[in-house]
Amino acid sequence: MRAKIRDTEIYFDIEGSGLVVDGSRMREKPVAFLIHGGPGADHTSFKPSFSSLSQKMQLVYL
């Protein structure tokens, strides 16, 4: 996904749902932001290690 914030466009990827069924209600899952470490890098190296966490929380890769 892309979002424009003022004059800057950022790319982010979301893994896992934000809402889950909890009995007869929906509840929000916690959100974790994963941010790569430097210029020229991206979040693809995080996905193999962190994807399993998307069952417990929503992951936002920046």
PDB file of N, CA and C in Angstrom:
ATOM      1  N   MET A   1       0.840  -1.164   0.000  1.00  0.00           N
ATOM      2  CA  MET A   1       0.000   0.000   0.000  1.00  0.00           C
ATOM      3  C   MET A   1       0.894   1.238   0.000  1.00  0.00           C
ATOM      4  N   ARG A   2       0.329   2.285  -0.482  1.00  0.00           N
ATOM      5  CA  ARG A   2       1.035   3.564  -0.469  1.00  0.00           C
ATOM      6  C   ARG A   2       0.165   4.609   0.207  1.00  0.00           C
ATOM      7  N   ALA A   3       0.810   5.524   0.883  1.00  0.00           N
ATOM      8  CA  ALA A   3       0.100   6.632   1.514  1.00  0.00           C
ATOM      9  C   ALA A   3       0.889   7.907   1.258  1.00  0.00           C
ATOM     10  N   LYS A   4       0.195   8.954   0.939  1.00  0.00           N
ATOM     11  CA  LYS A   4       0.845  10.249   0.740  1.00  0.00           C
ATOM     12  C   LYS A   4       0.640  11.079   1.989  1.00  0.00           C
ATOM     13  N   ILE A   5       1.745  11.508   2.565  1.00  0.00           N
ATOM     14  CA  ILE A   5       1.731  12.353   3.757  1.00  0.00           C
ATOM     15  C   ILE A   5       2.429  13.645   3.382  1.00  0.00           C
ATOM     16  N   ARG A   6       1.644  14.680   3.236  1.00  0.00           N
ATOM     17  CA  ARG A   6       2.106  15.972   2.708  1.00  0.00           C
ATOM     18  C   ARG A   6       2.765  15.741   1.361  1.00  0.00           C
ATOM     19  N   ASP A   7       4.060  16.016   1.223  1.00  0.00           N
ATOM     20  CA  ASP A   7       4.739  15.857  -0.059  1.00  0.00           C
ATOM     21  C   ASP A   7       5.525  14.557  -0.152  1.00  0.00           C
ATOM     22  N   THR A   8       5.345  13.668   0.806  1.00  0.00           N
ATOM     23  CA  THR A   8       6.100  12.420   0.835  1.00  0.00           C
ATOM     24  C   THR A   8       5.159  11.237   0.651  1.00  0.00           C
ATOM     25  N   GLU A   9       5.568  10.294  -0.186  1.00  0.00           N
ATOM     26  CA  GLU A   9       4.790   9.075  -0.365  1.00  0.00           C
ATOM     27  C   GLU A   9       5.546   7.929   0.294  1.00  0.00           C
ATOM     28  N   ILE A  10       4.866   7.170   1.157  1.00  0.00           N
ATOM     29  CA  ILE A  10       5.505   6.044   1.830  1.00  0.00           C
ATOM     30  C   ILE A  10       4.831   4.746   1.383  1.00  0.00           C
ATOM     31  N   TYR A  11       5.582   3.668   1.438  1.00  0.00           N
ATOM     32  CA  TYR A  11       5.081   2.339   1.113  1.00  0.00           C
ATOM     33  C   TYR A  11       5.032   1.531   2.394  1.00  0.00           C
ATOM     34  N   PHE A  12       3.966   0.797   2.598  1.00  0.00           N
ATOM     35  CA  PHE A  12       3.882  -0.087   3.747  1.00  0.00           C
ATOM     36  C   PHE A  12       3.087  -1.323   3.376  1.00  0.00           C
ATOM     37  N   ASP A  13       3.298  -2.379   4.115  1.00  0.00           N
ATOM     38  CA  ASP A  13       2.640  -3.653   3.873  1.00  0.00           C
ATOM     39  C   ASP A  13       2.010  -4.099   5.184  1.00  0.00           C
ATOM     40  N   ILE A  14       0.790  -4.597   5.136  1.00  0.00           N
ATOM     41  CA  ILE A  14       0.096  -5.044   6.340  1.00  0.00           C
ATOM     42  C   ILE A  14      -0.141  -6.537   6.242  1.00  0.00           C
ATOM     43  N   GLU A  15       0.183  -7.252   7.308  1.00  0.00           N
ATOM     44  CA  GLU A  15      -0.035  -8.696   7.358  1.00  0.00           C
ATOM     45  C   GLU A  15      -0.873  -9.028   8.590  1.00  0.00           C
ATOM     46  N   GLY A  16      -1.928  -9.779   8.396  1.00  0.00           N
ATOM     47  CA  GLY A  16      -2.818 -10.136   9.493  1.00  0.00           C
ATOM     48  C   GLY A  16      -3.972  -9.163   9.593  1.00  0.00           C
ATOM     49  N   SER A  17      -5.072  -9.662  10.095  1.00  0.00           N
ATOM     50  CA  SER A  17      -6.260  -8.820  10.218  1.00  0.00           C
ATOM     51  C   SER A  17      -6.175  -7.951  11.468  1.00  0.00           C
ATOM     52  N   GLY A  18      -6.890  -6.852  11.438  1.00  0.00           N
ATOM     53  CA  GLY A  18      -6.926  -5.965  12.591  1.00  0.00           C
ATOM     54  C   GLY A  18      -8.003  -6.335  13.587  1.00  0.00           C
ATOM     55  N   LEU A  19      -9.029  -7.048  13.114  1.00  0.00           N
ATOM     56  CA  LEU A  19     -10.138  -7.457  13.972  1.00  0.00           C
ATOM     57  C   LEU A  19     -10.282  -8.977  13.945  1.00  0.00           C
ATOM     58  N   VAL A  20     -10.622  -9.558  15.090  1.00  0.00           N
ATOM     59  CA  VAL A  20     -10.876 -10.993  15.187  1.00  0.00           C
ATOM     60  C   VAL A  20     -12.155 -11.225  15.975  1.00  0.00           C
ATOM     61  N   VAL A  21     -12.768 -12.369  15.712  1.00  0.00           N
ATOM     62  CA  VAL A  21     -13.995 -12.732  16.431  1.00  0.00           C
ATOM     63  C   VAL A  21     -13.635 -13.149  17.847  1.00  0.00           C
ATOM     64  N   ASP A  22     -14.359 -12.607  18.795  1.00  0.00           N
ATOM     65  CA  ASP A  22     -14.173 -12.940  20.214  1.00  0.00           C
ATOM     66  C   ASP A  22     -15.555 -13.210  20.797  1.00  0.00           C
ATOM     67  N   GLY A  23     -16.013 -14.461  20.673  1.00  0.00           N
ATOM     68  CA  GLY A  23     -17.372 -14.806  21.085  1.00  0.00           C
ATOM     69  C   GLY A  23     -18.365 -14.183  20.131  1.00  0.00           C
ATOM     70  N   SER A  24     -19.253 -13.371  20.629  1.00  0.00           N
ATOM     71  CA  SER A  24     -20.245 -12.713  19.781  1.00  0.00           C
ATOM     72  C   SER A  24     -19.820 -11.305  19.377  1.00  0.00           C
ATOM     73  N   ARG A  25     -18.587 -10.934  19.708  1.00  0.00           N
ATOM     74  CA  ARG A  25     -18.073  -9.585  19.425  1.00  0.00           C
ATOM     75  C   ARG A  25     -16.829  -9.657  18.555  1.00  0.00           C
ATOM     76  N   MET A  26     -16.443  -8.521  18.057  1.00  0.00           N
ATOM     77  CA  MET A  26     -15.161  -8.371  17.357  1.00  0.00           C
ATOM     78  C   MET A  26     -14.244  -7.584  18.282  1.00  0.00           C
ATOM     79  N   ARG A  27     -12.983  -7.962  18.293  1.00  0.00           N
ATOM     80  CA  ARG A  27     -12.012  -7.199  19.082  1.00  0.00           C
ATOM     81  C   ARG A  27     -10.799  -6.891  18.221  1.00  0.00           C
ATOM     82  N   GLU A  28     -10.098  -5.831  18.580  1.00  0.00           N
ATOM     83  CA  GLU A  28      -8.898  -5.441  17.851  1.00  0.00           C
ATOM     84  C   GLU A  28      -7.699  -6.228  18.342  1.00  0.00           C
ATOM     85  N   LYS A  29      -6.846  -6.626  17.415  1.00  0.00           N
ATOM     86  CA  LYS A  29      -5.580  -7.258  17.774  1.00  0.00           C
ATOM     87  C   LYS A  29      -4.535  -6.157  17.984  1.00  0.00           C
ATOM     88  N   PRO A  30      -3.507  -6.429  18.776  1.00  0.00           N
ATOM     89  CA  PRO A  30      -2.418  -5.452  18.915  1.00  0.00           C
ATOM     90  C   PRO A  30      -1.728  -5.247  17.555  1.00  0.00           C
ATOM     91  N   VAL A  31      -1.082  -4.117  17.405  1.00  0.00           N
ATOM     92  CA  VAL A  31      -0.377  -3.784  16.168  1.00  0.00           C
ATOM     93  C   VAL A  31       1.114  -3.662  16.468  1.00  0.00           C
ATOM     94  N   ALA A  32       1.934  -4.263  15.608  1.00  0.00           N
ATOM     95  CA  ALA A  32       3.388  -4.125  15.717  1.00  0.00           C
ATOM     96  C   ALA A  32       3.908  -3.489  14.432  1.00  0.00           C
ATOM     97  N   PHE A  33       4.759  -2.481  14.570  1.00  0.00           N
ATOM     98  CA  PHE A  33       5.378  -1.827  13.427  1.00  0.00           C
ATOM     99  C   PHE A  33       6.790  -2.357  13.277  1.00  0.00           C
ATOM    100  N   LEU A  34       7.126  -2.866  12.094  1.00  0.00           N
ATOM    101  CA  LEU A  34       8.462  -3.380  11.814  1.00  0.00           C
ATOM    102  C   LEU A  34       9.113  -2.434  10.815  1.00  0.00           C
ATOM    103  N   ILE A  35      10.214  -1.839  11.225  1.00  0.00           N
ATOM    104  CA  ILE A  35      10.869  -0.801  10.431  1.00  0.00           C
ATOM    105  C   ILE A  35      12.266  -1.274  10.059  1.00  0.00           C
ATOM    106  N   HIS A  36      12.564  -1.260   8.756  1.00  0.00           N
ATOM    107  CA  HIS A  36      13.885  -1.707   8.310  1.00  0.00           C
ATOM    108  C   HIS A  36      14.961  -0.736   8.776  1.00  0.00           C
ATOM    109  N   GLY A  37      16.196  -1.195   8.716  1.00  0.00           N
ATOM    110  CA  GLY A  37      17.270  -0.471   9.365  1.00  0.00           C
ATOM    111  C   GLY A  37      18.020   0.574   8.588  1.00  0.00           C
ATOM    112  N   GLY A  38      17.765   0.775   7.316  1.00  0.00           N
ATOM    113  CA  GLY A  38      18.591   1.769   6.661  1.00  0.00           C
ATOM    114  C   GLY A  38      18.172   2.085   5.244  1.00  0.00           C
ATOM    115  N   PRO A  39      18.854   3.082   4.662  1.00  0.00           N
ATOM    116  CA  PRO A  39      18.528   3.486   3.306  1.00  0.00           C
ATOM    117  C   PRO A  39      18.798   2.352   2.320  1.00  0.00           C
ATOM    118  N   GLY A  40      17.912   2.218   1.375  1.00  0.00           N
ATOM    119  CA  GLY A  40      18.085   1.203   0.346  1.00  0.00           C
ATOM    120  C   GLY A  40      17.580  -0.172   0.752  1.00  0.00           C
ATOM    121  N   ALA A  41      17.218  -0.357   2.006  1.00  0.00           N
ATOM    122  CA  ALA A  41      16.724  -1.648   2.483  1.00  0.00           C
ATOM    123  C   ALA A  41      15.197  -1.648   2.407  1.00  0.00           C
ATOM    124  N   ASP A  42      14.621  -2.823   2.546  1.00  0.00           N
ATOM    125  CA  ASP A  42      13.172  -2.920   2.647  1.00  0.00           C
ATOM    126  C   ASP A  42      12.811  -4.001   3.660  1.00  0.00           C
ATOM    127  N   HIS A  43      11.530  -4.283   3.799  1.00  0.00           N
ATOM    128  CA  HIS A  43      11.060  -5.177   4.855  1.00  0.00           C
ATOM    129  C   HIS A  43      11.035  -6.659   4.450  1.00  0.00           C
ATOM    130  N   THR A  44      11.423  -6.994   3.232  1.00  0.00           N
ATOM    131  CA  THR A  44      11.273  -8.381   2.781  1.00  0.00           C
ATOM    132  C   THR A  44      12.072  -9.374   3.613  1.00  0.00           C
ATOM    133  N   SER A  45      13.161  -8.956   4.201  1.00  0.00           N
ATOM    134  CA  SER A  45      13.952  -9.885   5.020  1.00  0.00           C
ATOM    135  C   SER A  45      13.266 -10.180   6.361  1.00  0.00           C
ATOM    136  N   PHE A  46      12.341  -9.319   6.784  1.00  0.00           N
ATOM    137  CA  PHE A  46      11.612  -9.546   8.040  1.00  0.00           C
ATOM    138  C   PHE A  46      10.528 -10.605   7.907  1.00  0.00           C
ATOM    139  N   LYS A  47       9.923 -10.701   6.730  1.00  0.00           N
ATOM    140  CA  LYS A  47       8.729 -11.544   6.581  1.00  0.00           C
ATOM    141  C   LYS A  47       8.940 -13.008   6.970  1.00  0.00           C
ATOM    142  N   PRO A  48      10.003 -13.680   6.559  1.00  0.00           N
ATOM    143  CA  PRO A  48      10.140 -15.094   6.960  1.00  0.00           C
ATOM    144  C   PRO A  48      10.184 -15.292   8.477  1.00  0.00           C
ATOM    145  N   SER A  49      10.765 -14.370   9.187  1.00  0.00           N
ATOM    146  CA  SER A  49      10.909 -14.503  10.637  1.00  0.00           C
ATOM    147  C   SER A  49       9.675 -14.075  11.411  1.00  0.00           C
ATOM    148  N   PHE A  50       8.970 -13.062  10.925  1.00  0.00           N
ATOM    149  CA  PHE A  50       7.884 -12.462  11.703  1.00  0.00           C
ATOM    150  C   PHE A  50       6.483 -12.845  11.255  1.00  0.00           C
ATOM    151  N   SER A  51       6.317 -13.472  10.104  1.00  0.00           N
ATOM    152  CA  SER A  51       4.981 -13.778   9.581  1.00  0.00           C
ATOM    153  C   SER A  51       4.124 -14.580  10.538  1.00  0.00           C
ATOM    154  N   SER A  52       4.721 -15.485  11.288  1.00  0.00           N
ATOM    155  CA  SER A  52       3.929 -16.308  12.209  1.00  0.00           C
ATOM    156  C   SER A  52       3.263 -15.459  13.310  1.00  0.00           C
ATOM    157  N   LEU A  53       3.835 -14.295  13.609  1.00  0.00           N
ATOM    158  CA  LEU A  53       3.240 -13.410  14.618  1.00  0.00           C
ATOM    159  C   LEU A  53       1.915 -12.805  14.166  1.00  0.00           C
ATOM    160  N   SER A  54       1.630 -12.863  12.863  1.00  0.00           N
ATOM    161  CA  SER A  54       0.397 -12.258  12.361  1.00  0.00           C
ATOM    162  C   SER A  54      -0.849 -12.991  12.862  1.00  0.00           C
ATOM    163  N   GLN A  55      -0.679 -14.179  13.451  1.00  0.00           N
ATOM    164  CA  GLN A  55      -1.808 -14.876  14.064  1.00  0.00           C
ATOM    165  C   GLN A  55      -2.215 -14.186  15.370  1.00  0.00           C
ATOM    166  N   LYS A  56      -1.272 -13.549  16.042  1.00  0.00           N
ATOM    167  CA  LYS A  56      -1.523 -12.907  17.334  1.00  0.00           C
ATOM    168  C   LYS A  56      -1.681 -11.389  17.238  1.00  0.00           C
ATOM    169  N   MET A  57      -1.087 -10.778  16.200  1.00  0.00           N
ATOM    170  CA  MET A  57      -1.125  -9.325  16.074  1.00  0.00           C
ATOM    171  C   MET A  57      -1.099  -8.923  14.609  1.00  0.00           C
ATOM    172  N   GLN A  58      -1.466  -7.710  14.358  1.00  0.00           N
ATOM    173  CA  GLN A  58      -1.386  -7.174  13.003  1.00  0.00           C
ATOM    174  C   GLN A  58      -0.002  -6.576  12.816  1.00  0.00           C
ATOM    175  N   LEU A  59       0.665  -6.952  11.745  1.00  0.00           N
ATOM    176  CA  LEU A  59       2.021  -6.480  11.483  1.00  0.00           C
ATOM    177  C   LEU A  59       1.996  -5.423  10.383  1.00  0.00           C
ATOM    178  N   VAL A  60       2.648  -4.304  10.633  1.00  0.00           N
ATOM    179  CA  VAL A  60       2.767  -3.241   9.645  1.00  0.00           C
ATOM    180  C   VAL A  60       4.247  -3.098   9.343  1.00  0.00           C
ATOM    181  N   TYR A  61       4.616  -3.464   8.113  1.00  0.00           N
ATOM    182  CA  TYR A  61       6.012  -3.361   7.681  1.00  0.00           C
ATOM    183  C   TYR A  61       6.192  -2.032   6.961  1.00  0.00           C
ATOM    184  N   LEU A  62       7.137  -1.219   7.430  1.00  0.00           N
ATOM    185  CA  LEU A  62       7.438   0.058   6.770  1.00  0.00           C
ATOM    186  C   LEU A  62       8.722  -0.051   6.005  1.00  0.00           C
TER     187      LEU A  62
END
